[in-house]
Protein backbone atom coordinates (compact mmCIF):
# COMPACT_ATOMS: atom_id res chain seq x y z
CA MET A 1 3.21 7.10 -22.24
CA ASN A 2 1.67 4.22 -20.43
CA VAL A 3 2.71 3.64 -17.39
CA MET A 4 1.99 -0.18 -17.19
CA GLU A 5 4.74 -0.47 -20.09
CA ILE A 6 7.44 1.20 -17.89
CA ASN A 7 9.83 -1.14 -16.69
CA VAL A 8 9.17 -2.05 -12.87
CA LEU A 9 12.62 -1.49 -11.74
CA VAL A 10 12.76 1.91 -13.52
CA LEU A 11 9.28 2.46 -11.71
CA ALA A 12 11.17 0.97 -8.29
CA TYR A 13 13.94 3.69 -9.24
CA LEU A 14 11.48 6.74 -9.06
CA GLY A 15 9.30 5.12 -6.20
CA ASP A 16 12.63 5.18 -3.54
CA THR A 17 13.03 8.53 -4.19
CA VAL A 18 9.19 9.39 -3.40
CA TYR A 19 9.31 6.79 -0.53
CA GLU A 20 12.83 8.49 1.27
CA ASN A 21 11.25 12.02 0.74
CA TYR A 22 8.24 11.16 2.74
CA VAL A 23 10.11 8.99 5.34
CA ARG A 24 12.59 12.36 5.68
CA ARG A 25 10.18 14.52 5.91
CA HIS A 26 8.12 12.33 8.56
CA LEU A 27 10.98 12.21 10.63
CA ILE A 28 11.76 16.07 10.62
CA GLU A 29 8.25 16.68 11.42
CA LEU A 30 8.45 14.62 14.54
CA GLY A 31 11.01 17.23 15.53
CA ILE A 32 14.11 15.03 15.36
CA GLY A 33 17.02 17.73 14.91
CA ASN A 34 20.31 15.89 14.63
CA VAL A 35 21.14 14.53 11.20
CA ASN A 36 22.73 11.18 12.67
CA ASP A 37 19.63 10.76 14.25
CA LEU A 38 17.75 10.90 11.63
CA GLN A 39 20.00 8.68 9.72
CA LYS A 40 19.32 6.12 12.54
CA GLU A 41 15.66 6.67 12.62
CA ALA A 42 15.04 6.65 8.88
CA ILE A 43 16.56 2.84 8.35
CA LYS A 44 13.74 1.90 9.97
CA TYR A 45 11.66 2.65 7.65
CA VAL A 46 13.91 2.38 4.23
CA SER A 47 15.74 -0.67 4.80
CA ALA A 48 15.01 -3.55 2.52
CA PRO A 49 13.73 -5.88 5.53
CA SER A 50 11.19 -2.87 6.91
CA GLN A 51 9.63 -2.10 3.62
CA ALA A 52 9.06 -5.88 2.92
CA ASN A 53 7.53 -6.08 6.28
CA TYR A 54 5.11 -2.86 5.62
CA LEU A 55 4.26 -4.37 2.41
CA GLN A 56 3.17 -7.51 3.66
CA LYS A 57 1.11 -6.02 6.65
CA MET A 58 -0.83 -3.87 4.07
CA ILE A 59 -1.33 -7.32 1.73
CA ASP A 60 -2.41 -8.88 4.81
CA CYS A 61 -4.87 -6.08 5.21
CA ASN A 62 -6.28 -6.08 1.55
CA PHE A 63 -5.16 -2.57 1.19
CA PHE A 64 -4.31 -2.53 -2.41
CA SER A 65 -6.55 -2.34 -5.55
CA GLU A 66 -6.35 -4.82 -7.91
CA GLU A 67 -4.07 -2.77 -10.31
CA GLU A 68 -2.03 -1.77 -7.51
CA PHE A 69 -1.24 -5.03 -6.61
CA ASP A 70 -0.68 -6.42 -10.22
CA VAL A 71 2.23 -3.62 -10.10
CA ILE A 72 3.47 -5.46 -6.85
CA LYS A 73 3.77 -8.49 -8.38
CA ARG A 74 5.24 -7.32 -11.76
CA ALA A 75 7.96 -6.13 -9.26
CA ARG A 76 8.06 -8.70 -7.26
CA ASN A 77 8.39 -11.46 -9.91
CA TYR A 78 10.55 -9.34 -12.19
CA LYS A 79 13.47 -11.85 -12.99
CA THR A 80 16.92 -10.52 -11.30
CA THR A 81 19.45 -12.37 -9.51
CA SER A 82 21.52 -9.38 -7.82
CA HIS A 83 20.20 -7.96 -4.23
CA PRO A 84 21.97 -6.40 -1.18
CA LYS A 85 24.05 -8.48 1.03
CA SER A 86 21.93 -7.19 3.69
CA CYS A 87 19.20 -9.29 3.03
CA ASP A 88 17.86 -12.13 0.93
CA ILE A 89 16.21 -11.92 -2.53
CA ILE A 90 12.49 -12.63 -1.60
CA THR A 91 12.73 -9.88 1.00
CA TYR A 92 14.48 -7.52 -1.70
CA LYS A 93 11.60 -8.61 -4.16
CA TYR A 94 8.64 -7.63 -1.84
CA ALA A 95 10.87 -4.11 -1.11
CA THR A 96 11.27 -3.46 -4.92
CA GLY A 97 7.44 -4.18 -5.27
CA LEU A 98 6.48 -1.18 -2.42
CA GLU A 99 9.09 1.12 -4.17
CA ALA A 100 7.49 0.02 -7.75
CA LEU A 101 4.01 0.74 -6.27
CA ILE A 102 4.85 3.94 -4.94
CA GLY A 103 6.73 5.29 -8.26
CA TYR A 104 3.82 4.13 -10.37
CA LEU A 105 1.42 6.11 -8.07
CA SER A 106 4.05 9.21 -8.34
CA PHE A 107 3.67 8.76 -12.33
CA GLU A 108 0.23 8.99 -12.29
CA ASN A 109 0.17 11.87 -9.84
CA LYS A 110 -1.92 9.88 -7.09
CA GLU A 111 -0.36 11.72 -4.53
CA GLU A 112 -3.39 11.17 -2.28
CA ARG A 113 -2.91 7.56 -2.63
CA ILE A 114 0.87 7.61 -1.71
CA ASP A 115 -0.54 9.64 1.65
CA GLU A 116 -2.60 6.67 2.19
CA ILE A 117 0.22 4.30 1.87
CA MET A 118 2.81 6.01 3.96
CA SER A 119 0.07 7.18 6.84
CA PHE A 120 -0.36 3.23 7.02
CA ILE A 121 3.37 2.95 7.36
CA PHE A 122 3.84 5.57 9.87
CA ASN A 123 1.23 4.44 12.11
CA LYS A 124 2.16 1.09 12.32
């Protein structure tokens, strides 16, 4: 199956779970042992505004290959009118772009590249 033929929202669906798993592991590795504290800290990474912010920082640093940026743009430009009440549609589309990229990389078994992206996020 050609990953570029997969609906970008399906890639974002996969990317959301991969991304959240990285965040949870990172927070546990930091030594946070209380579930309530873990949840509070996770929001700093998994909320749409946070994801959009991280994505914009990476774009500003020319962090992505042309192929990766194509996936981001496909997701960002996907026609949708629904979004969470907690953010505007533009922020939501940027967050979806990051999740779609993570899903794309996961589907392509490019775990090392996901590690690089997540290291950037965790170090910012």
